[in-house]
Amino acid sequence: MNPEADGRTFACAYCQSRVQVAVGADQIALGMAVDLSNLEDFVAKLANALSQGFADHAKIHATGREVHGIELALEPDHFALERQGKEFITRHKKVVRGIALRTATLPLDVWFQKLTEALAQHANQNSRAAWVLSQLGGGQR
């Protein structure tokens, strides 16, 4: 089996069968070249990636290049990032049938790990999301 251009699909030249392998949260984080030490760049890159690939799930609040907030709903996970002064507050909540079961304010690195896990799960169930992640570099090994 030979890998195709997206790095996630393998095809057999003999029988023409195709197999898609799962994308991991670590691959998404690596593909986004995460640098949490520069929050402004991190938030801008995250907002750009989500607005391009998950526009139907994401709301980006920005003025020019300055991002004020990000909201992302990937059922049952909802993620929010909100600027407060020079800092960012990150929240994650589980929502089932429209009811928030649990809401937690998390450190940015923990929030981002949960976000990439949810994005990976979504990409493994949605071929369009998988394609977008491959364009961002998140589906490459």
C-alpha atoms as a PDB file:
ATOM      1  CA  MET A   1       0.000   0.000   0.000  1.00  0.00           C
ATOM      2  CA  ASN A   2       1.263   3.422  -0.953  1.00  0.00           C
ATOM      3  CA  PRO A   3       0.387   6.704   0.797  1.00  0.00           C
ATOM      4  CA  GLU A   4      -1.566   9.284  -1.170  1.00  0.00           C
ATOM      5  CA  ALA A   5      -0.920  13.032  -1.128  1.00  0.00           C
ATOM      6  CA  ASP A   6      -2.945  13.656   2.040  1.00  0.00           C
ATOM      7  CA  GLY A   7      -0.739  11.275   4.046  1.00  0.00           C
ATOM      8  CA  ARG A   8      -3.790   9.639   5.616  1.00  0.00           C
ATOM      9  CA  THR A   9      -5.063   7.513   2.749  1.00  0.00           C
ATOM     10  CA  PHE A  10      -3.226   4.437   1.497  1.00  0.00           C
ATOM     11  CA  ALA A  11      -4.033   2.791  -1.827  1.00  0.00           C
ATOM     12  CA  CYS A  12      -3.202  -0.649  -3.186  1.00  0.00           C
ATOM     13  CA  ALA A  13      -1.990  -0.529  -6.775  1.00  0.00           C
ATOM     14  CA  TYR A  14      -3.008  -4.148  -7.310  1.00  0.00           C
ATOM     15  CA  CYS A  15      -6.584  -4.342  -6.004  1.00  0.00           C
ATOM     16  CA  GLN A  16      -7.377  -0.582  -5.980  1.00  0.00           C
ATOM     17  CA  SER A  17      -8.534  -0.717  -2.351  1.00  0.00           C
ATOM     18  CA  ARG A  18      -8.083   2.372  -0.199  1.00  0.00           C
ATOM     19  CA  VAL A  19      -7.679   2.680   3.565  1.00  0.00           C
ATOM     20  CA  GLN A  20      -7.811   5.873   5.608  1.00  0.00           C
ATOM     21  CA  VAL A  21      -5.782   6.013   8.821  1.00  0.00           C
ATOM     22  CA  ALA A  22      -6.799   8.150  11.778  1.00  0.00           C
ATOM     23  CA  VAL A  23      -5.236  11.511  12.542  1.00  0.00           C
ATOM     24  CA  GLY A  24      -4.020  12.121  16.088  1.00  0.00           C
ATOM     25  CA  ALA A  25      -4.258  15.198  18.276  1.00  0.00           C
ATOM     26  CA  ASP A  26      -0.459  15.316  18.452  1.00  0.00           C
ATOM     27  CA  GLN A  27      -0.308  15.503  14.650  1.00  0.00           C
ATOM     28  CA  ILE A  28      -2.684  18.466  14.607  1.00  0.00           C
ATOM     29  CA  ALA A  29      -0.697  20.310  17.273  1.00  0.00           C
ATOM     30  CA  LEU A  30       2.552  19.578  15.444  1.00  0.00           C
ATOM     31  CA  GLY A  31       1.045  20.608  12.118  1.00  0.00           C
ATOM     32  CA  MET A  32      -0.048  23.924  13.520  1.00  0.00           C
ATOM     33  CA  ALA A  33       3.527  24.520  14.730  1.00  0.00           C
ATOM     34  CA  VAL A  34       2.279  25.527  18.155  1.00  0.00           C
ATOM     35  CA  ASP A  35       4.319  28.066  20.076  1.00  0.00           C
ATOM     36  CA  LEU A  36       2.495  28.906  23.275  1.00  0.00           C
ATOM     37  CA  SER A  37       5.255  31.313  24.310  1.00  0.00           C
ATOM     38  CA  ASN A  38       3.997  33.885  21.775  1.00  0.00           C
ATOM     39  CA  LEU A  39       0.283  34.062  22.578  1.00  0.00           C
ATOM     40  CA  GLU A  40      -0.606  36.736  20.018  1.00  0.00           C
ATOM     41  CA  ASP A  41       0.802  34.694  17.131  1.00  0.00           C
ATOM     42  CA  PHE A  42      -0.661  31.458  18.501  1.00  0.00           C
ATOM     43  CA  VAL A  43      -4.163  32.917  18.830  1.00  0.00           C
ATOM     44  CA  ALA A  44      -3.983  34.586  15.397  1.00  0.00           C
ATOM     45  CA  LYS A  45      -2.860  31.346  13.732  1.00  0.00           C
ATOM     46  CA  LEU A  46      -5.521  29.327  15.551  1.00  0.00           C
ATOM     47  CA  ALA A  47      -8.246  31.814  14.582  1.00  0.00           C
ATOM     48  CA  ASN A  48      -7.100  31.744  10.959  1.00  0.00           C
ATOM     49  CA  ALA A  49      -7.030  27.932  10.810  1.00  0.00           C
ATOM     50  CA  LEU A  50     -10.466  27.589  12.425  1.00  0.00           C
ATOM     51  CA  SER A  51     -12.040  30.270  10.234  1.00  0.00           C
ATOM     52  CA  GLN A  52     -10.717  28.552   7.103  1.00  0.00           C
ATOM     53  CA  GLY A  53     -11.486  24.979   8.031  1.00  0.00           C
ATOM     54  CA  PHE A  54     -14.336  25.052  10.503  1.00  0.00           C
ATOM     55  CA  ALA A  55     -16.251  28.207   9.596  1.00  0.00           C
ATOM     56  CA  ASP A  56     -19.573  26.464  10.191  1.00  0.00           C
ATOM     57  CA  HIS A  57     -18.472  25.505  13.738  1.00  0.00           C
ATOM     58  CA  ALA A  58     -16.344  28.516  14.737  1.00  0.00           C
ATOM     59  CA  LYS A  59     -16.988  32.137  15.620  1.00  0.00           C
ATOM     60  CA  ILE A  60     -13.996  34.449  15.558  1.00  0.00           C
ATOM     61  CA  HIS A  61     -14.242  37.836  17.274  1.00  0.00           C
ATOM     62  CA  ALA A  62     -11.530  40.178  16.022  1.00  0.00           C
ATOM     63  CA  THR A  63     -10.726  43.773  15.208  1.00  0.00           C
ATOM     64  CA  GLY A  64      -8.243  43.868  12.366  1.00  0.00           C
ATOM     65  CA  ARG A  65      -5.480  41.419  13.242  1.00  0.00           C
ATOM     66  CA  GLU A  66      -6.240  41.442  16.984  1.00  0.00           C
ATOM     67  CA  VAL A  67      -8.311  38.448  18.054  1.00  0.00           C
ATOM     68  CA  HIS A  68     -10.647  39.113  20.986  1.00  0.00           C
ATOM     69  CA  GLY A  69     -12.238  35.695  21.197  1.00  0.00           C
ATOM     70  CA  ILE A  70     -12.777  32.322  19.606  1.00  0.00           C
ATOM     71  CA  GLU A  71     -15.760  30.011  20.009  1.00  0.00           C
ATOM     72  CA  LEU A  72     -15.801  26.505  18.550  1.00  0.00           C
ATOM     73  CA  ALA A  73     -18.619  23.960  18.821  1.00  0.00           C
ATOM     74  CA  LEU A  74     -17.724  20.362  17.956  1.00  0.00           C
ATOM     75  CA  GLU A  75     -20.490  18.424  19.648  1.00  0.00           C
ATOM     76  CA  PRO A  76     -20.338  17.509  22.468  1.00  0.00           C
ATOM     77  CA  ASP A  77     -17.297  19.734  23.066  1.00  0.00           C
ATOM     78  CA  HIS A  78     -17.490  23.525  23.075  1.00  0.00           C
ATOM     79  CA  PHE A  79     -14.347  25.639  23.337  1.00  0.00           C
ATOM     80  CA  ALA A  80     -14.013  29.336  24.105  1.00  0.00           C
ATOM     81  CA  LEU A  81     -10.998  31.613  24.225  1.00  0.00           C
ATOM     82  CA  GLU A  82     -11.517  35.159  25.459  1.00  0.00           C
ATOM     83  CA  ARG A  83      -9.076  38.047  25.697  1.00  0.00           C
ATOM     84  CA  GLN A  84      -9.012  39.814  29.041  1.00  0.00           C
ATOM     85  CA  GLY A  85      -6.457  42.592  28.869  1.00  0.00           C
ATOM     86  CA  LYS A  86      -3.170  41.008  27.774  1.00  0.00           C
ATOM     87  CA  GLU A  87      -4.202  37.525  28.898  1.00  0.00           C
ATOM     88  CA  PHE A  88      -6.481  34.881  27.419  1.00  0.00           C
ATOM     89  CA  ILE A  89      -9.055  32.900  29.385  1.00  0.00           C
ATOM     90  CA  THR A  90      -9.842  29.464  27.962  1.00  0.00           C
ATOM     91  CA  ARG A  91     -12.943  27.422  28.723  1.00  0.00           C
ATOM     92  CA  HIS A  92     -14.170  23.989  27.727  1.00  0.00           C
ATOM     93  CA  LYS A  93     -17.657  22.650  28.243  1.00  0.00           C
ATOM     94  CA  LYS A  94     -19.465  19.425  27.485  1.00  0.00           C
ATOM     95  CA  VAL A  95     -22.897  19.956  25.972  1.00  0.00           C
ATOM     96  CA  VAL A  96     -25.458  17.187  25.531  1.00  0.00           C
ATOM     97  CA  ARG A  97     -28.795  17.934  23.860  1.00  0.00           C
ATOM     98  CA  GLY A  98     -28.204  21.647  24.323  1.00  0.00           C
ATOM     99  CA  ILE A  99     -27.496  21.385  28.060  1.00  0.00           C
ATOM    100  CA  ALA A 100     -24.040  22.251  29.414  1.00  0.00           C
ATOM    101  CA  LEU A 101     -23.090  19.394  31.711  1.00  0.00           C
ATOM    102  CA  ARG A 102     -19.694  20.661  32.777  1.00  0.00           C
ATOM    103  CA  THR A 103     -17.815  23.899  32.194  1.00  0.00           C
ATOM    104  CA  ALA A 104     -14.162  24.317  33.159  1.00  0.00           C
ATOM    105  CA  THR A 105     -11.663  27.149  32.893  1.00  0.00           C
ATOM    106  CA  LEU A 106      -8.393  25.536  31.850  1.00  0.00           C
ATOM    107  CA  PRO A 107      -4.763  26.532  31.413  1.00  0.00           C
ATOM    108  CA  LEU A 108      -4.040  27.275  27.746  1.00  0.00           C
ATOM    109  CA  ASP A 109      -1.880  24.188  27.174  1.00  0.00           C
ATOM    110  CA  VAL A 110      -4.527  21.830  28.624  1.00  0.00           C
ATOM    111  CA  TRP A 111      -7.277  23.599  26.669  1.00  0.00           C
ATOM    112  CA  PHE A 112      -5.295  23.304  23.446  1.00  0.00           C
ATOM    113  CA  GLN A 113      -4.708  19.580  24.056  1.00  0.00           C
ATOM    114  CA  LYS A 114      -8.463  19.040  24.484  1.00  0.00           C
ATOM    115  CA  LEU A 115      -9.117  21.152  21.394  1.00  0.00           C
ATOM    116  CA  THR A 116      -6.732  19.113  19.232  1.00  0.00           C
ATOM    117  CA  GLU A 117      -8.267  15.870  20.518  1.00  0.00           C
ATOM    118  CA  ALA A 118     -11.741  17.095  19.541  1.00  0.00           C
ATOM    119  CA  LEU A 119     -10.477  18.283  16.136  1.00  0.00           C
ATOM    120  CA  ALA A 120      -8.815  14.907  15.525  1.00  0.00           C
ATOM    121  CA  GLN A 121     -11.989  13.036  16.461  1.00  0.00           C
ATOM    122  CA  HIS A 122     -14.023  15.309  14.188  1.00  0.00           C
ATOM    123  CA  ALA A 123     -11.547  14.869  11.328  1.00  0.00           C
ATOM    124  CA  ASN A 124     -11.688  11.100  11.665  1.00  0.00           C
ATOM    125  CA  GLN A 125     -15.472  11.242  11.230  1.00  0.00           C
ATOM    126  CA  ASN A 126     -15.609  13.994   8.608  1.00  0.00           C
ATOM    127  CA  SER A 127     -13.646  13.810   5.347  1.00  0.00           C
ATOM    128  CA  ARG A 128     -13.950  17.561   4.687  1.00  0.00           C
ATOM    129  CA  ALA A 129     -12.418  18.345   8.075  1.00  0.00           C
ATOM    130  CA  ALA A 130      -9.682  15.807   7.417  1.00  0.00           C
ATOM    131  CA  TRP A 131      -8.896  17.504   4.105  1.00  0.00           C
ATOM    132  CA  VAL A 132      -8.732  20.919   5.784  1.00  0.00           C
ATOM    133  CA  LEU A 133      -6.415  19.586   8.468  1.00  0.00           C
ATOM    134  CA  SER A 134      -4.173  18.063   5.830  1.00  0.00           C
ATOM    135  CA  GLN A 135      -3.955  21.498   4.186  1.00  0.00           C
ATOM    136  CA  LEU A 136      -2.924  22.968   7.534  1.00  0.00           C
ATOM    137  CA  GLY A 137      -0.300  20.268   8.009  1.00  0.00           C
ATOM    138  CA  GLY A 138      -2.191  18.417  10.730  1.00  0.00           C
ATOM    139  CA  GLY A 139      -2.650  15.190   8.826  1.00  0.00           C
ATOM    140  CA  GLN A 140       0.967  14.575   7.904  1.00  0.00           C
ATOM    141  CA  ARG A 141       3.172  12.017   9.627  1.00  0.00           C
END
